[in-house]
Each structure stands twice: as structure tokens, then as C-alpha cells.
Protein backbone atom coordinates (compact mmCIF):
# COMPACT_ATOMS: atom_id res chain seq x y z
CA UNK A 1 256.55 130.37 56.47
CA UNK A 2 259.80 129.37 58.08
CA UNK A 3 262.66 128.68 55.83
CA UNK A 4 265.50 126.44 56.58
CA UNK A 5 268.90 127.40 54.62
CA UNK A 6 272.12 125.65 54.25
CA UNK A 7 274.55 128.05 55.31
CA UNK A 8 277.83 126.09 55.03
CA UNK A 9 279.22 128.71 52.84
CA UNK A 10 279.17 131.34 55.76
CA UNK A 11 281.60 129.06 57.82
CA UNK A 12 283.86 128.35 55.41
CA UNK A 13 286.48 131.15 53.87
CA UNK A 14 284.16 133.60 52.30
CA UNK A 15 283.69 134.43 48.54
CA UNK A 16 281.36 134.98 46.22
CA UNK A 17 278.60 132.30 47.18
CA UNK A 18 278.88 133.35 50.77
CA UNK A 19 278.78 136.66 49.94
CA UNK A 20 275.87 136.44 48.12
CA UNK A 21 274.16 134.41 50.88
CA UNK A 22 274.61 136.68 53.73
CA UNK A 23 273.17 139.46 51.12
CA UNK A 24 269.86 137.38 50.53
CA UNK A 25 269.58 136.64 54.26
CA UNK A 26 269.96 140.71 55.65
CA UNK A 27 267.08 141.99 52.42
CA UNK A 28 264.97 138.95 53.75
CA UNK A 29 265.34 140.71 57.24
CA UNK A 30 264.42 144.05 55.88
CA UNK A 31 261.24 142.82 53.60
CA UNK A 32 260.40 139.37 54.87
CA UNK A 33 257.28 138.66 52.99
CA UNK A 34 255.76 135.69 54.01
CA UNK A 35 259.05 134.81 56.10
CA UNK A 36 258.34 134.33 59.63
CA UNK A 37 261.88 132.31 60.72
CA UNK A 38 264.72 131.18 58.75
CA UNK A 39 266.91 128.72 60.11
CA UNK A 40 270.68 128.63 59.13
CA UNK A 41 272.24 125.33 59.71
CA UNK A 42 275.70 125.03 59.78
CA UNK A 43 278.35 122.40 60.75
CA UNK A 44 280.36 125.15 63.03
CA UNK A 45 278.81 128.45 64.70
CA UNK A 46 278.22 131.37 62.13
CA UNK A 47 281.47 133.76 63.43
CA UNK A 48 279.57 137.13 62.22
CA UNK A 49 276.08 138.26 63.43
CA UNK A 50 272.87 137.04 61.21
CA UNK A 51 270.12 139.15 60.90
CA UNK A 52 267.22 139.20 63.84
CA UNK A 53 265.38 136.79 61.55
CA UNK A 54 267.79 133.94 61.17
CA UNK A 55 268.52 131.48 63.83
CA UNK A 56 271.70 129.84 63.64
CA UNK A 57 271.23 125.84 64.33
CA UNK A 58 274.85 124.25 64.72
CA UNK A 59 275.40 120.39 64.18
CA UNK A 60 279.18 119.25 64.52
CA UNK A 61 279.94 117.20 61.30
CA UNK A 62 280.49 113.39 61.29
CA UNK A 63 282.61 112.90 58.58
CA UNK A 64 283.67 115.34 56.19
CA UNK A 65 281.22 118.74 55.16
CA UNK A 66 279.76 116.82 52.34
CA UNK A 67 278.68 114.17 54.51
CA UNK A 68 277.08 117.14 56.72
CA UNK A 69 275.27 117.91 53.85
CA UNK A 70 273.67 114.87 52.24
CA UNK A 71 272.90 113.16 55.82
CA UNK A 72 272.82 115.70 59.06
CA UNK A 73 271.27 118.86 56.91
CA UNK A 74 267.91 116.99 55.93
CA UNK A 75 267.55 115.39 59.26
CA UNK A 76 267.90 118.37 61.07
CA UNK A 77 265.87 120.54 58.63
CA UNK A 78 262.81 117.96 58.78
CA UNK A 79 260.03 117.76 56.22
CA UNK A 80 257.70 120.60 56.07
CA UNK A 81 259.76 123.96 55.10
CA UNK A 82 261.52 124.66 52.22
CA UNK A 83 265.52 124.35 52.37
CA UNK A 84 267.28 126.89 50.54
CA UNK A 85 270.38 125.60 49.25
CA UNK A 86 272.39 128.45 47.90
CA UNK A 87 275.57 126.53 46.58
CA UNK A 88 275.33 124.17 43.55
CA UNK A 89 274.35 120.94 45.84
CA UNK A 90 271.28 119.96 47.49
CA UNK A 91 271.03 116.64 49.84
CA UNK A 92 269.15 114.56 47.57
CA UNK A 93 267.32 112.12 50.01
CA UNK A 94 265.47 115.29 51.54
CA UNK A 95 262.15 114.81 52.10
CA UNK A 96 261.20 118.64 52.34
CA UNK A 97 261.02 120.70 48.99
CA UNK A 98 264.58 122.32 47.70
CA UNK A 99 265.24 125.71 46.19
CA UNK A 100 268.68 125.70 44.72
CA UNK A 101 270.26 128.16 42.91
CA UNK A 102 273.50 126.96 40.92
CA UNK A 103 276.21 129.78 40.24
CA UNK A 104 278.09 128.03 37.17
CA UNK A 105 279.18 125.32 35.43
CA UNK A 106 282.34 123.26 36.27
CA UNK A 107 281.86 121.69 33.17
CA UNK A 108 282.29 124.92 31.12
CA UNK A 109 286.00 125.43 31.63
CA UNK A 110 287.59 121.86 32.81
CA UNK A 111 290.89 123.06 32.38
CA UNK A 112 290.23 124.87 35.73
CA UNK A 113 289.73 121.22 37.44
CA UNK A 114 291.26 117.60 37.58
CA UNK A 115 289.33 115.35 36.08
CA UNK A 116 288.37 113.47 39.50
CA UNK A 117 286.64 116.97 40.64
CA UNK A 118 284.71 117.34 37.52
CA UNK A 119 283.72 114.08 37.72
CA UNK A 120 282.43 114.41 41.61
CA UNK A 121 281.17 118.10 40.66
CA UNK A 122 279.08 116.84 37.87
CA UNK A 123 277.71 113.97 39.40
CA UNK A 124 276.46 116.00 42.82
CA UNK A 125 275.54 119.22 40.75
CA UNK A 126 273.70 117.28 38.39
CA UNK A 127 272.03 115.37 40.71
CA UNK A 128 271.05 118.23 42.72
CA UNK A 129 269.90 120.41 39.91
CA UNK A 130 267.38 117.34 39.06
CA UNK A 131 266.47 116.64 42.46
CA UNK A 132 265.59 120.34 43.17
CA UNK A 133 261.75 121.78 42.92
CA UNK A 134 262.82 125.12 42.15
CA UNK A 135 266.23 125.49 40.19
CA UNK A 136 267.79 128.75 39.97
CA UNK A 137 271.07 130.16 38.46
CA UNK A 138 272.52 133.40 37.91
CA UNK A 139 272.90 134.16 34.11
CA UNK A 140 271.58 132.98 30.90
CA UNK A 141 274.97 131.56 29.79
CA UNK A 142 274.67 129.37 33.11
CA UNK A 143 271.38 128.70 31.99
CA UNK A 144 272.19 127.31 28.55
CA UNK A 145 274.98 125.50 30.40
CA UNK A 146 272.47 123.53 32.60
CA UNK A 147 270.71 122.65 29.71
CA UNK A 148 273.75 121.36 27.95
CA UNK A 149 275.80 119.78 30.50
CA UNK A 150 272.65 118.30 33.10
CA UNK A 151 270.20 117.69 29.95
CA UNK A 152 267.73 120.19 32.21
CA UNK A 153 265.09 122.04 29.62
CA UNK A 154 266.13 125.51 30.08
CA UNK A 155 262.53 126.53 30.76
CA UNK A 156 262.71 124.92 34.08
CA UNK A 157 265.40 126.84 35.22
CA UNK A 158 265.09 130.60 36.41
CA UNK A 159 267.42 133.31 36.02
CA UNK A 160 268.13 135.50 38.56
CA UNK A 161 271.23 137.30 38.92
CA UNK A 162 273.75 138.07 41.68
CA UNK A 163 273.84 141.82 43.05
CA UNK A 164 275.19 144.67 44.77
CA UNK A 165 274.51 146.62 47.81
CA UNK A 166 274.32 149.78 46.15
CA UNK A 167 274.00 151.66 49.18
CA UNK A 168 277.42 150.54 50.08
CA UNK A 169 279.31 150.15 47.15
CA UNK A 170 278.63 153.42 45.77
CA UNK A 171 280.87 156.68 44.27
CA UNK A 172 282.08 158.16 47.42
CA UNK A 173 282.78 161.32 46.23
CA UNK A 174 286.00 162.04 48.65
CA UNK A 175 289.41 162.23 47.28
CA UNK A 176 290.89 162.84 50.61
CA UNK A 177 289.21 159.24 51.58
CA UNK A 178 290.88 157.74 48.31
CA UNK A 179 294.20 159.27 48.91
CA UNK A 180 294.38 158.00 52.57
CA UNK A 181 293.55 154.48 51.58
CA UNK A 182 296.18 154.10 48.65
CA UNK A 183 298.73 155.51 51.32
CA UNK A 184 297.85 152.99 54.09
CA UNK A 185 297.70 150.30 51.62
CA UNK A 186 300.28 150.75 49.09
CA UNK A 187 302.52 153.28 51.25
CA UNK A 188 302.60 156.30 49.00
CA UNK A 189 299.54 158.25 46.96
CA UNK A 190 300.03 156.26 43.90
CA UNK A 191 297.69 155.52 41.27
CA UNK A 192 296.79 151.53 41.26
CA UNK A 193 295.19 148.84 39.34
CA UNK A 194 293.01 146.40 41.12
CA UNK A 195 291.91 142.71 41.34
CA UNK A 196 289.67 140.86 43.63
CA UNK A 197 288.48 137.23 44.24
CA UNK A 198 290.02 133.99 44.41
CA UNK A 199 293.38 133.73 42.31
CA UNK A 200 292.33 130.41 40.30
CA UNK A 201 293.39 129.94 37.05
CA UNK A 202 290.72 130.81 34.88
CA UNK A 203 291.14 134.41 35.79
CA UNK A 204 294.29 134.72 34.33
CA UNK A 205 296.50 135.67 36.88
CA UNK A 206 299.73 135.43 35.61
CA UNK A 207 298.93 136.73 31.91
CA UNK A 208 297.27 139.70 34.10
CA UNK A 209 300.60 140.59 35.89
CA UNK A 210 302.40 140.27 32.61
CA UNK A 211 300.45 142.49 30.99
CA UNK A 212 300.86 145.49 33.94
CA UNK A 213 304.76 144.86 34.02
CA UNK A 214 304.56 145.40 30.35
CA UNK A 215 302.21 148.50 30.83
CA UNK A 216 305.11 149.88 33.52
CA UNK A 217 307.90 149.39 31.38
CA UNK A 218 306.38 151.06 28.09
CA UNK A 219 304.42 153.57 29.60
CA UNK A 220 306.67 154.95 32.38
CA UNK A 221 303.72 154.91 34.62
CA UNK A 222 304.11 155.10 38.74
CA UNK A 223 301.11 152.34 39.14
CA UNK A 224 300.96 149.45 41.70
CA UNK A 225 298.90 146.62 41.60
CA UNK A 226 296.62 145.41 44.30
CA UNK A 227 295.40 141.92 44.45
CA UNK A 228 292.55 141.11 46.96
CA UNK A 229 291.90 137.86 48.00
CA UNK A 230 295.74 136.34 47.44
CA UNK A 231 295.28 134.06 50.09
CA UNK A 232 292.32 132.04 49.10
CA UNK A 233 292.51 128.84 47.49
CA UNK A 234 294.27 129.28 44.04
CA UNK A 235 297.66 130.04 42.31
CA UNK A 236 300.31 130.91 44.21
CA UNK A 237 300.39 134.58 43.86
CA UNK A 238 303.51 135.49 45.26
CA UNK A 239 305.53 133.25 43.55
CA UNK A 240 304.01 134.57 40.61
CA UNK A 241 305.08 138.14 41.68
CA UNK A 242 308.49 137.13 42.28
CA UNK A 243 308.92 135.63 39.22
CA UNK A 244 307.74 138.82 37.36
CA UNK A 245 310.64 140.93 39.47
CA UNK A 246 307.09 142.81 40.84
CA UNK A 247 307.18 142.50 44.29
CA UNK A 248 308.09 146.27 44.44
CA UNK A 249 304.78 146.72 42.46
CA UNK A 250 302.20 144.45 43.40
CA UNK A 251 300.68 144.42 46.61
CA UNK A 252 299.09 141.58 48.52
CA UNK A 253 295.79 141.66 50.29
CA UNK A 254 294.44 138.40 51.58
CA UNK A 255 291.03 139.95 52.97
CA UNK A 256 289.33 142.81 53.01
CA UNK A 257 286.02 143.89 54.59
CA UNK A 258 283.09 145.03 52.74
CA UNK A 259 283.50 148.93 54.03
CA UNK A 260 287.61 148.35 53.02
CA UNK A 261 286.44 147.21 49.28
CA UNK A 262 284.17 149.92 48.76
CA UNK A 263 287.16 152.17 49.52
CA UNK A 264 289.24 150.02 47.30
CA UNK A 265 287.25 150.07 44.33
CA UNK A 266 287.10 154.13 44.61
CA UNK A 267 290.48 154.41 45.17
CA UNK A 268 291.66 152.33 42.19
CA UNK A 269 292.25 153.56 38.92
CA UNK A 270 290.69 150.70 37.15
CA UNK A 271 289.40 146.99 38.13
CA UNK A 272 291.03 144.49 36.04
CA UNK A 273 289.13 140.82 36.17
CA UNK A 274 290.23 138.56 33.45
CA UNK A 275 288.37 135.58 33.70
CA UNK A 276 287.76 133.20 31.26
CA UNK A 277 284.80 131.76 32.60
CA UNK A 278 282.38 133.16 35.25
CA UNK A 279 278.50 132.18 36.01
CA UNK A 280 278.01 135.72 37.02
CA UNK A 281 281.35 138.21 38.31
CA UNK A 282 280.30 139.81 40.95
CA UNK A 283 283.53 142.15 41.47
CA UNK A 284 283.05 143.85 38.00
CA UNK A 285 279.35 144.59 39.25
CA UNK A 286 280.64 146.32 42.20
CA UNK A 287 283.29 148.12 40.82
CA UNK A 288 280.44 149.27 38.47
CA UNK A 289 278.62 150.38 41.39
CA UNK A 290 281.64 152.36 42.85
CA UNK A 291 281.97 154.37 39.19
CA UNK A 292 284.98 152.69 38.86
CA UNK A 293 286.38 151.76 35.18
CA UNK A 294 286.40 148.06 34.72
CA UNK A 295 287.86 145.20 32.12
CA UNK A 296 286.39 142.09 31.97
CA UNK A 297 286.55 139.33 28.95
CA UNK A 298 283.73 139.30 26.56
CA UNK A 299 282.53 135.85 27.48
CA UNK A 300 280.31 133.82 30.06
CA UNK A 301 277.82 136.33 31.82
CA UNK A 302 280.02 139.24 31.61
CA UNK A 303 278.54 141.16 28.14
CA UNK A 304 274.72 140.45 30.31
CA UNK A 305 275.18 143.07 32.99
CA UNK A 306 278.54 144.72 32.22
CA UNK A 307 278.23 145.21 28.19
CA UNK A 308 278.46 148.78 26.82
CA UNK A 309 279.71 149.57 30.18
CA UNK A 310 283.00 147.59 31.16
CA UNK A 311 285.58 147.23 28.72
CA UNK A 312 285.25 143.54 27.49
CA UNK A 313 288.55 142.20 26.06
CA UNK A 314 288.56 139.29 23.59
CA UNK A 315 290.53 137.24 25.97
CA UNK A 316 292.62 136.76 28.64
CA UNK A 317 296.20 136.90 26.74
CA UNK A 318 298.81 138.88 28.01
CA UNK A 319 298.37 141.03 24.83
CA UNK A 320 295.00 141.53 24.76
CA UNK A 321 294.92 142.51 28.54
CA UNK A 322 298.13 145.14 28.06
CA UNK A 323 295.76 146.42 25.36
CA UNK A 324 293.13 146.96 27.38
CA UNK A 325 294.84 148.34 30.25
CA UNK A 326 296.60 151.06 27.95
CA UNK A 327 293.21 151.81 26.29
CA UNK A 328 291.59 152.85 30.00
CA UNK A 329 294.63 154.52 31.13
CA UNK A 330 295.09 156.88 27.88
CA UNK A 331 291.17 157.43 26.93
CA UNK A 332 289.72 160.19 29.23
CA UNK A 333 286.25 159.78 27.62
CA UNK A 334 286.06 156.12 28.11
CA UNK A 335 287.13 156.49 32.02
CA UNK A 336 284.21 159.29 32.00
CA UNK A 337 281.85 157.29 30.69
CA UNK A 338 282.42 154.42 32.67
CA UNK A 339 282.65 156.46 35.74
CA UNK A 340 278.82 157.54 34.89
CA UNK A 341 277.39 154.41 33.29
CA UNK A 342 278.40 152.21 36.31
CA UNK A 343 276.28 153.22 38.99
CA UNK A 344 273.29 153.54 36.50
CA UNK A 345 273.50 150.03 35.62
CA UNK A 346 274.33 148.76 38.95
CA UNK A 347 271.15 150.06 40.33
CA UNK A 348 268.87 147.48 38.41
CA UNK A 349 271.02 144.72 40.40
CA UNK A 350 270.68 146.14 43.90
CA UNK A 351 270.47 143.19 46.35
CA UNK A 352 266.97 144.14 47.39
CA UNK A 353 265.47 143.30 44.28
CA UNK A 354 267.46 140.27 43.98
CA UNK A 355 266.40 139.17 46.99
CA UNK A 356 262.90 139.80 46.43
CA UNK A 357 262.37 137.92 43.08
CA UNK A 358 263.99 134.66 44.66
CA UNK A 359 261.21 135.18 47.79
CA UNK A 360 258.70 135.19 45.75
CA UNK A 361 260.01 131.59 43.86
CA UNK A 362 260.47 130.32 46.99
CA UNK A 363 256.90 131.29 48.45
CA UNK A 364 255.08 129.87 45.57
CA UNK A 365 257.25 126.55 46.01
CA UNK A 366 255.77 126.40 49.45
CA UNK A 367 252.17 127.15 48.22
CA UNK A 368 252.50 124.35 46.22
CA UNK A 369 253.47 121.50 48.84
């Protein structure tokens, strides 16, 4: 069986969906099942090396990337093999069977987007979801949203969560490496809080930084705050830091490799990921896999995979986040439980398991055609 893949998220600034795709491709290469060849279609060449099972087929776009997905992609792919679309959108006129992954509904958190963006996304996501021969989403919460907003029966939607590479994201148990990372990144061997991801509004970055400032003032702690992903599209984090007079205490890192992120999680005191809505929430799972205490919010998908391990705050207000951060700092037993329970929980979400479940569903679609 051959498979086509919309690889557009591999050539744009890489965030959650791009990392999802590169991990699934890696695992399919290691355990291909019925897969013989994967053609990864992109509008520009993929810079990172693809696994041997993959062939990168590049056709420069005529017009924007949206037009490329709808018109050039299906023409490149043809009609016979399944086309895997891992990021919400499918070419609706494609003649081939389509396997689509939906990572969470914009409609569930409308404050994040302009009305125009919401309208466009609703139309393209709903039509794509209804067009798909196989529809996968990453959480039960997201499945409920799809049923609510797109009027697709929930039994037509398969839930396969996002995953984590537990061979890479794991407790290192090497304090010398952690200390060296803190000295290099922070300028001194100091404890730090960590945020990883796009600094978009729904992740409550202003309230998170304000809570950190209050903790610093009240507890007289030496902690820094490291933000990885500060140059991704979203809020102007540097401006927020300056407005709060936190220039000496907040370190901004625009990009980190997977290997550096492992060091960041292991060296951190706690991950803070106060998002008001997520289809899944990969940084929380990665932190858990590394045995790093994590704070998230008690909403959307977080209770499904992090409940009972991460500290789930009621909401993303400054006061709630201050209270959660203080609890993690002061409760030795809580931190010890998070460090032991996190890797055990994350083992059930290893990318190898996630990729295999996805591949099996795609093979079933191929057989039906």
C-alpha cells in the first residue's frame, strides 16, 4: 500500500501539528505494516531529512498555500491511494480516499480569532470533516466539539490522542546536565518555571507572567521563567515582559530542538501551560514523560490525559495561577508524586502506539476502496 501525505506543516513554522506529523512518519518508517511508500507533498522542499520510507514531492504553489492544498495537492496525488491530511483541511474535490486529522475546534474558543478567521475556518474545517472517508481527532472533548459544531455523529469520529517519544522525552537523572543547561540558558544555576508553545491569547500568557511576578515578590524566590516559542505567531511576549518589569527574570527562547527541549523539561522546576482550550496539549504530556511537575487548566482535553498527575487549576486568572504555582513550589509530596506518576502515565501515549493505531485505520480505509 502506498500513501500520500499533505506535508505542508513540515515547511511552515513547526508547532504542534508539524511535530505530530514528523513523529507519525518516523514511527511508520520503523513499523510500516502494509505501507510500502509514503509520498510527502509540499509546496517547498522539506529541510529536515525525512525517513527512508518517505519521498518528498515538491510543487511550487500557484497562489497561496490554501489554493495549493485545494487544487495542486489532489492533482499531484491522483485517485488510487489514500491521502493523509494531518491538519484540519482536506482538498474537497479530491477523488482519492481521504484520512483527516482534526486537532481541535476554533469555534470552541472564539475569543482567540477574528470573525473572518472563524468563518473561514468553520467553512473549510466543516466541509473537510464531512468530506473525509476517515475522520480522526485527538481527544474525546474534540470529538464532542465536532459533533456540536459540524453536526457529524460522534460515532463517525475516531479518537486517537497525540503522543510523545518516550525514548527521548524521559527523566535524565543527570543533575550535571541540568545544571549546565540552566547556566547556559539562564546565565546562572537557578530554578525556573517553563512555558513551551505558541504564545497565543487562549494560553493566558499575561496572567501567567503576572502570577509569576506576584510569586517572586511574595515568596522572595530566585526563580526565572523560560518561555520557549516566543517568536512564534501570537502575543508580543517581549512587550509584556517589559510592561511587567520582568526583563531580568524572564528568558525568551524562540526555538528549541527536541534534544534541547528534553533538557529544558528536565532542568525546570515546573511547566506552566495555562491554556483555556486545547484539542490535546502536547507540552504537558512531554513534561509528564520527563517527570517534570506540570500545571494546566481543568478544561478541554487536559483531564483526559493529565488528570490525577498534573495540577489542573480552575481557570487561567492571575490568582488561580499564582495559587497553583505556589502549591507546586511548597508541596514536596506533590512534586514527588508528579515526578513518579508522569512517566508512567506518558508510557500509554508513546508515538509508536499512536502511529500504529492511526496506520491500522488508514489501512482499513484503503481496503474498503
